[in-house]
Each structure stands twice: as structure tokens, then as C-alpha cells.
Amino acid sequence: RANAATVQTTIFGQLVAEALPKSLHCVMIKLTSDWLTEPSRHELADENRNSPRLVDNNLYHFCI
């Protein structure tokens, strides 16, 4: 089962890598890099964590 899971992980990872547009991949890398290198972003995220806009069901929320 472990070997099968390893093979599936490799195959699914390859499918995602091929299906994800390069521009979107670059945005994710840039955002991750900014998040890891700028502690001020952590503070900003903590401040906005309980924002009413995040729990307003009248707004559309998208996750990429």
C-alpha cells in the first residue's frame, strides 16, 4: 500500500505540475517567498484574521 501511495503521489504531482498555468505557479512562489521573508506580513495577517469581511456570507471568497 505504501508503494502504491508513493506512485500515486508522484503521478498526481506530475499532473498538477502540468495542469497549473506557469503564471499562476510563479504567483504562488512569489507569495510564499514574501510570506517567509517578511515578518510584517505575519503581523498584518494576524490583524486581519477576525475581519468582518472574512465571515460575510454576502461576499465571494476564492481560493487559488
Protein backbone atom coordinates (compact mmCIF):
# COMPACT_ATOMS: atom_id res chain seq x y z
CA ARG A 1 0.00 0.00 0.00
CA ALA A 2 2.88 2.34 0.78
CA ASN A 3 4.46 1.73 -2.61
CA ALA A 4 1.13 2.32 -4.36
CA ALA A 5 0.65 5.57 -2.43
CA THR A 6 4.15 6.72 -3.40
CA VAL A 7 3.47 6.03 -7.07
CA GLN A 8 0.11 7.82 -6.90
CA THR A 9 1.70 10.83 -5.21
CA THR A 10 4.30 11.06 -7.96
CA ILE A 11 1.72 10.73 -10.72
CA PHE A 12 -0.70 13.23 -9.16
CA GLY A 13 2.14 15.67 -8.52
CA GLN A 14 3.16 15.47 -12.16
CA LEU A 15 -0.43 16.01 -13.31
CA VAL A 16 -0.75 19.12 -11.14
CA ALA A 17 2.58 20.48 -12.37
CA GLU A 18 1.48 20.06 -15.98
CA ALA A 19 -2.05 21.41 -15.46
CA LEU A 20 -1.18 24.53 -13.45
CA PRO A 21 -0.54 27.58 -15.64
CA LYS A 22 3.03 28.85 -15.28
CA SER A 23 1.92 32.39 -14.39
CA LEU A 24 -0.17 31.06 -11.50
CA HIS A 25 2.73 28.91 -10.31
CA CYS A 26 5.01 31.97 -10.32
CA VAL A 27 2.47 33.98 -8.30
CA MET A 28 2.31 31.23 -5.67
CA ILE A 29 6.10 31.09 -5.43
CA LYS A 30 6.31 34.89 -5.10
CA LEU A 31 3.61 34.98 -2.39
CA THR A 32 5.24 32.15 -0.47
CA SER A 33 8.63 33.83 -0.71
CA ASP A 34 7.21 37.14 0.51
CA TRP A 35 5.43 35.40 3.37
CA LEU A 36 8.58 33.65 4.54
CA THR A 37 10.92 36.63 4.22
CA GLU A 38 8.77 39.48 5.54
CA PRO A 39 7.62 39.16 9.17
CA SER A 40 5.43 42.25 8.71
CA ARG A 41 3.10 40.12 6.57
CA HIS A 42 2.53 37.81 9.55
CA GLU A 43 1.51 40.77 11.71
CA LEU A 44 -0.84 42.05 9.01
CA ALA A 45 -2.42 38.61 8.68
CA ASP A 46 -2.93 38.40 12.45
CA GLU A 47 -4.58 41.83 12.49
CA ASN A 48 -6.99 40.90 9.70
CA ARG A 49 -7.73 37.38 10.90
CA ASN A 50 -11.05 38.37 12.52
CA SER A 51 -12.07 40.88 9.88
CA PRO A 52 -15.86 41.04 9.32
CA ARG A 53 -15.18 40.78 5.59
CA LEU A 54 -13.82 37.25 6.06
CA VAL A 55 -17.04 35.95 7.58
CA ASP A 56 -19.52 37.94 5.48
CA ASN A 57 -21.53 35.36 3.51
CA ASN A 58 -22.63 38.04 1.05
CA LEU A 59 -19.08 38.22 -0.32
CA TYR A 60 -17.46 35.70 -2.63
CA HIS A 61 -14.27 34.09 -1.38
CA PHE A 62 -11.87 32.42 -3.81
CA CYS A 63 -9.01 30.09 -3.03
CA ILE A 64 -6.34 29.51 -5.64
